């Protein structure tokens, strides 16, 4: 009786290690979008809080111009995705949905690949739709960079041998 308790839910065990499909990945992306929006809102409030502390009598909330706002959002998104993928292989959305981004050999994604993947995901999000067709559910970003998004409920990724 050497059975260990598994962190993988019984219903999920058949999917452990398989590539994730469009719906699960889109749900993780939606969760990550909320996280990035929260980070942007926190940054906006922090900047305005500092402006208030500097000159409270003439304080007014700053207006966000479209180009700097979009640029800031893309920079925060790319930073968030690349940091999470290169450290643990998962963002908060991936964690909630039981997903992990892995390299071509199934191990952790290297930092430069994580940055490139984050840039491609931020600038070309429609590439995710490639998951809907074909035999292998891989996005355009996965095909180009030889990465995969797999179901993985393990708390830590074992090092590749």
C-alpha atoms as a PDB file:
ATOM      1  CA  UNK A   1       0.000   0.000   0.000  1.00  0.00           C
ATOM      2  CA  UNK A   2       2.493   2.586  -1.199  1.00  0.00           C
ATOM      3  CA  UNK A   3      -0.137   4.819  -2.770  1.00  0.00           C
ATOM      4  CA  UNK A   4       0.564   8.485  -2.330  1.00  0.00           C
ATOM      5  CA  UNK A   5      -2.095  11.148  -2.235  1.00  0.00           C
ATOM      6  CA  UNK A   6      -2.178  12.893  -5.581  1.00  0.00           C
ATOM      7  CA  UNK A   7      -2.866  16.625  -5.983  1.00  0.00           C
ATOM      8  CA  UNK A   8      -4.478  15.811  -9.323  1.00  0.00           C
ATOM      9  CA  UNK A   9      -8.260  15.497  -9.001  1.00  0.00           C
ATOM     10  CA  UNK A  10      -9.537  12.019  -9.852  1.00  0.00           C
ATOM     11  CA  UNK A  11     -11.641  13.348 -12.749  1.00  0.00           C
ATOM     12  CA  UNK A  12      -8.634  15.184 -14.204  1.00  0.00           C
ATOM     13  CA  UNK A  13      -6.139  12.321 -14.112  1.00  0.00           C
ATOM     14  CA  UNK A  14      -6.873  11.098 -17.661  1.00  0.00           C
ATOM     15  CA  UNK A  15      -6.046  14.596 -18.969  1.00  0.00           C
ATOM     16  CA  UNK A  16      -2.841  15.142 -16.993  1.00  0.00           C
ATOM     17  CA  UNK A  17      -0.038  15.944 -19.455  1.00  0.00           C
ATOM     18  CA  UNK A  18      -2.314  16.294 -22.495  1.00  0.00           C
ATOM     19  CA  UNK A  19      -2.431  19.461 -24.563  1.00  0.00           C
ATOM     20  CA  UNK A  20      -5.139  21.911 -23.561  1.00  0.00           C
ATOM     21  CA  UNK A  21      -7.825  23.018 -25.970  1.00  0.00           C
ATOM     22  CA  UNK A  22      -9.257  26.357 -26.977  1.00  0.00           C
ATOM     23  CA  UNK A  23     -11.944  26.745 -24.309  1.00  0.00           C
ATOM     24  CA  UNK A  24      -9.666  26.066 -21.332  1.00  0.00           C
ATOM     25  CA  UNK A  25      -6.929  28.286 -22.716  1.00  0.00           C
ATOM     26  CA  UNK A  26      -9.414  31.086 -23.472  1.00  0.00           C
ATOM     27  CA  UNK A  27     -10.756  30.888 -19.909  1.00  0.00           C
ATOM     28  CA  UNK A  28      -7.207  31.128 -18.522  1.00  0.00           C
ATOM     29  CA  UNK A  29      -6.583  34.089 -20.840  1.00  0.00           C
ATOM     30  CA  UNK A  30      -9.717  35.844 -19.592  1.00  0.00           C
ATOM     31  CA  UNK A  31      -8.566  35.403 -15.988  1.00  0.00           C
ATOM     32  CA  UNK A  32      -5.137  36.776 -16.912  1.00  0.00           C
ATOM     33  CA  UNK A  33      -6.783  39.758 -18.629  1.00  0.00           C
ATOM     34  CA  UNK A  34      -8.562  40.569 -15.361  1.00  0.00           C
ATOM     35  CA  UNK A  35      -5.247  40.307 -13.482  1.00  0.00           C
ATOM     36  CA  UNK A  36      -3.542  42.659 -15.948  1.00  0.00           C
ATOM     37  CA  UNK A  37      -6.448  45.124 -15.742  1.00  0.00           C
ATOM     38  CA  UNK A  38      -6.179  45.061 -11.937  1.00  0.00           C
ATOM     39  CA  UNK A  39      -2.428  45.761 -12.194  1.00  0.00           C
ATOM     40  CA  UNK A  40      -3.080  48.657 -14.571  1.00  0.00           C
ATOM     41  CA  UNK A  41      -5.767  50.088 -12.291  1.00  0.00           C
ATOM     42  CA  UNK A  42      -3.452  49.805  -9.292  1.00  0.00           C
ATOM     43  CA  UNK A  43      -0.712  51.602 -11.223  1.00  0.00           C
ATOM     44  CA  UNK A  44      -3.101  54.348 -12.314  1.00  0.00           C
ATOM     45  CA  UNK A  45      -4.299  54.870  -8.739  1.00  0.00           C
ATOM     46  CA  UNK A  46      -0.708  54.860  -7.448  1.00  0.00           C
ATOM     47  CA  UNK A  47       0.359  57.547  -9.932  1.00  0.00           C
ATOM     48  CA  UNK A  48      -2.655  59.672  -9.075  1.00  0.00           C
ATOM     49  CA  UNK A  49      -2.051  59.124  -5.361  1.00  0.00           C
ATOM     50  CA  UNK A  50       1.496  60.438  -5.754  1.00  0.00           C
ATOM     51  CA  UNK A  51       0.232  63.437  -7.719  1.00  0.00           C
ATOM     52  CA  UNK A  52      -2.255  64.131  -4.920  1.00  0.00           C
ATOM     53  CA  UNK A  53       0.487  63.975  -2.299  1.00  0.00           C
ATOM     54  CA  UNK A  54       2.654  66.384  -4.286  1.00  0.00           C
ATOM     55  CA  UNK A  55      -0.051  69.022  -4.812  1.00  0.00           C
ATOM     56  CA  UNK A  56      -3.382  68.251  -3.097  1.00  0.00           C
ATOM     57  CA  UNK A  57      -4.989  71.667  -3.733  1.00  0.00           C
ATOM     58  CA  UNK A  58      -4.879  71.474  -7.518  1.00  0.00           C
ATOM     59  CA  UNK A  59      -5.242  67.715  -7.830  1.00  0.00           C
ATOM     60  CA  UNK A  60      -7.271  66.251 -10.703  1.00  0.00           C
ATOM     61  CA  UNK A  61      -7.268  62.656 -11.915  1.00  0.00           C
ATOM     62  CA  UNK A  62      -5.095  62.284 -14.992  1.00  0.00           C
ATOM     63  CA  UNK A  63      -6.705  61.398 -18.283  1.00  0.00           C
ATOM     64  CA  UNK A  64      -5.304  58.345 -19.997  1.00  0.00           C
ATOM     65  CA  UNK A  65      -4.432  59.050 -23.623  1.00  0.00           C
ATOM     66  CA  UNK A  66      -5.120  56.093 -25.934  1.00  0.00           C
ATOM     67  CA  UNK A  67      -1.614  55.465 -27.305  1.00  0.00           C
ATOM     68  CA  UNK A  68       0.267  55.584 -23.969  1.00  0.00           C
ATOM     69  CA  UNK A  69      -2.518  53.576 -22.291  1.00  0.00           C
ATOM     70  CA  UNK A  70      -2.405  50.795 -24.903  1.00  0.00           C
ATOM     71  CA  UNK A  71       1.397  50.784 -24.887  1.00  0.00           C
ATOM     72  CA  UNK A  72       1.460  50.531 -21.084  1.00  0.00           C
ATOM     73  CA  UNK A  73      -1.124  47.742 -21.153  1.00  0.00           C
ATOM     74  CA  UNK A  74       0.922  45.755 -23.693  1.00  0.00           C
ATOM     75  CA  UNK A  75       4.137  46.229 -21.699  1.00  0.00           C
ATOM     76  CA  UNK A  76       2.439  45.086 -18.482  1.00  0.00           C
ATOM     77  CA  UNK A  77       0.846  42.113 -20.262  1.00  0.00           C
ATOM     78  CA  UNK A  78       4.132  41.003 -21.850  1.00  0.00           C
ATOM     79  CA  UNK A  79       5.977  41.441 -18.542  1.00  0.00           C
ATOM     80  CA  UNK A  80       3.346  39.496 -16.592  1.00  0.00           C
ATOM     81  CA  UNK A  81       3.183  36.618 -19.087  1.00  0.00           C
ATOM     82  CA  UNK A  82       6.916  36.283 -19.685  1.00  0.00           C
ATOM     83  CA  UNK A  83       7.785  36.457 -15.982  1.00  0.00           C
ATOM     84  CA  UNK A  84       5.192  33.835 -15.024  1.00  0.00           C
ATOM     85  CA  UNK A  85       5.978  31.469 -17.899  1.00  0.00           C
ATOM     86  CA  UNK A  86       9.732  31.588 -17.373  1.00  0.00           C
ATOM     87  CA  UNK A  87       9.537  31.101 -13.571  1.00  0.00           C
ATOM     88  CA  UNK A  88       6.772  28.533 -13.035  1.00  0.00           C
ATOM     89  CA  UNK A  89       5.359  27.866 -16.495  1.00  0.00           C
ATOM     90  CA  UNK A  90       1.993  29.232 -15.478  1.00  0.00           C
ATOM     91  CA  UNK A  91       0.180  32.489 -14.966  1.00  0.00           C
ATOM     92  CA  UNK A  92      -2.584  32.892 -12.410  1.00  0.00           C
ATOM     93  CA  UNK A  93      -5.129  32.006 -15.099  1.00  0.00           C
ATOM     94  CA  UNK A  94      -3.151  28.866 -15.959  1.00  0.00           C
ATOM     95  CA  UNK A  95      -2.982  27.980 -12.273  1.00  0.00           C
ATOM     96  CA  UNK A  96      -6.760  28.288 -11.871  1.00  0.00           C
ATOM     97  CA  UNK A  97      -7.436  26.243 -15.007  1.00  0.00           C
ATOM     98  CA  UNK A  98      -4.740  23.610 -14.301  1.00  0.00           C
ATOM     99  CA  UNK A  99      -2.499  24.508 -17.234  1.00  0.00           C
ATOM    100  CA  UNK A 100       1.243  24.887 -17.739  1.00  0.00           C
ATOM    101  CA  UNK A 101       3.321  26.186 -20.650  1.00  0.00           C
ATOM    102  CA  UNK A 102       6.183  23.830 -21.467  1.00  0.00           C
ATOM    103  CA  UNK A 103       9.043  23.831 -23.951  1.00  0.00           C
ATOM    104  CA  UNK A 104       9.613  21.369 -26.761  1.00  0.00           C
ATOM    105  CA  UNK A 105      11.053  18.739 -24.389  1.00  0.00           C
ATOM    106  CA  UNK A 106       8.329  19.152 -21.774  1.00  0.00           C
ATOM    107  CA  UNK A 107      10.423  21.226 -19.372  1.00  0.00           C
ATOM    108  CA  UNK A 108      10.337  24.833 -18.298  1.00  0.00           C
ATOM    109  CA  UNK A 109      10.236  27.486 -21.012  1.00  0.00           C
ATOM    110  CA  UNK A 110      13.474  29.449 -21.293  1.00  0.00           C
ATOM    111  CA  UNK A 111      13.232  33.178 -20.504  1.00  0.00           C
ATOM    112  CA  UNK A 112      13.879  34.390 -24.057  1.00  0.00           C
ATOM    113  CA  UNK A 113      11.246  31.986 -25.429  1.00  0.00           C
ATOM    114  CA  UNK A 114       8.802  33.140 -22.740  1.00  0.00           C
ATOM    115  CA  UNK A 115       9.333  36.781 -23.770  1.00  0.00           C
ATOM    116  CA  UNK A 116       8.893  35.981 -27.473  1.00  0.00           C
ATOM    117  CA  UNK A 117       5.779  33.938 -26.726  1.00  0.00           C
ATOM    118  CA  UNK A 118       4.356  36.757 -24.592  1.00  0.00           C
ATOM    119  CA  UNK A 119       4.984  39.312 -27.356  1.00  0.00           C
ATOM    120  CA  UNK A 120       3.328  37.055 -29.932  1.00  0.00           C
ATOM    121  CA  UNK A 121       0.354  36.431 -27.637  1.00  0.00           C
ATOM    122  CA  UNK A 122      -0.057  40.158 -26.942  1.00  0.00           C
ATOM    123  CA  UNK A 123       0.258  41.281 -30.560  1.00  0.00           C
ATOM    124  CA  UNK A 124      -1.383  38.303 -32.270  1.00  0.00           C
ATOM    125  CA  UNK A 125      -4.025  36.901 -29.865  1.00  0.00           C
ATOM    126  CA  UNK A 126      -6.069  35.489 -32.736  1.00  0.00           C
ATOM    127  CA  UNK A 127      -3.315  32.865 -33.119  1.00  0.00           C
ATOM    128  CA  UNK A 128      -5.037  31.017 -30.277  1.00  0.00           C
ATOM    129  CA  UNK A 129      -7.858  30.095 -32.655  1.00  0.00           C
ATOM    130  CA  UNK A 130      -5.534  27.631 -34.363  1.00  0.00           C
ATOM    131  CA  UNK A 131      -6.213  25.409 -31.312  1.00  0.00           C
ATOM    132  CA  UNK A 132      -9.758  24.861 -32.523  1.00  0.00           C
ATOM    133  CA  UNK A 133      -8.765  22.978 -35.649  1.00  0.00           C
ATOM    134  CA  UNK A 134      -6.400  20.190 -36.468  1.00  0.00           C
ATOM    135  CA  UNK A 135      -5.284  17.088 -34.638  1.00  0.00           C
ATOM    136  CA  UNK A 136      -3.072  18.808 -32.136  1.00  0.00           C
ATOM    137  CA  UNK A 137      -4.506  21.749 -30.165  1.00  0.00           C
ATOM    138  CA  UNK A 138      -1.612  24.191 -30.600  1.00  0.00           C
ATOM    139  CA  UNK A 139      -1.784  27.918 -31.128  1.00  0.00           C
ATOM    140  CA  UNK A 140       0.225  29.757 -33.768  1.00  0.00           C
ATOM    141  CA  UNK A 141       2.591  30.851 -30.983  1.00  0.00           C
ATOM    142  CA  UNK A 142       3.092  27.220 -29.938  1.00  0.00           C
ATOM    143  CA  UNK A 143       3.853  26.137 -33.490  1.00  0.00           C
ATOM    144  CA  UNK A 144       6.340  28.943 -34.126  1.00  0.00           C
ATOM    145  CA  UNK A 145       8.183  28.614 -30.790  1.00  0.00           C
ATOM    146  CA  UNK A 146       7.746  24.833 -30.276  1.00  0.00           C
ATOM    147  CA  UNK A 147       5.922  25.206 -26.978  1.00  0.00           C
ATOM    148  CA  UNK A 148       2.802  23.500 -25.663  1.00  0.00           C
ATOM    149  CA  UNK A 149       0.127  24.265 -23.115  1.00  0.00           C
ATOM    150  CA  UNK A 150      -0.690  21.121 -21.169  1.00  0.00           C
ATOM    151  CA  UNK A 151      -3.013  20.151 -18.369  1.00  0.00           C
ATOM    152  CA  UNK A 152      -0.877  19.981 -15.251  1.00  0.00           C
ATOM    153  CA  UNK A 153      -2.315  20.164 -11.763  1.00  0.00           C
ATOM    154  CA  UNK A 154       0.990  19.400 -10.042  1.00  0.00           C
ATOM    155  CA  UNK A 155       2.052  22.249  -7.729  1.00  0.00           C
ATOM    156  CA  UNK A 156       5.660  22.171  -8.996  1.00  0.00           C
ATOM    157  CA  UNK A 157       7.100  21.001 -12.255  1.00  0.00           C
ATOM    158  CA  UNK A 158       9.669  18.221 -11.909  1.00  0.00           C
ATOM    159  CA  UNK A 159      12.985  19.079 -13.550  1.00  0.00           C
ATOM    160  CA  UNK A 160      13.551  17.429 -16.881  1.00  0.00           C
ATOM    161  CA  UNK A 161      16.115  14.687 -16.560  1.00  0.00           C
END
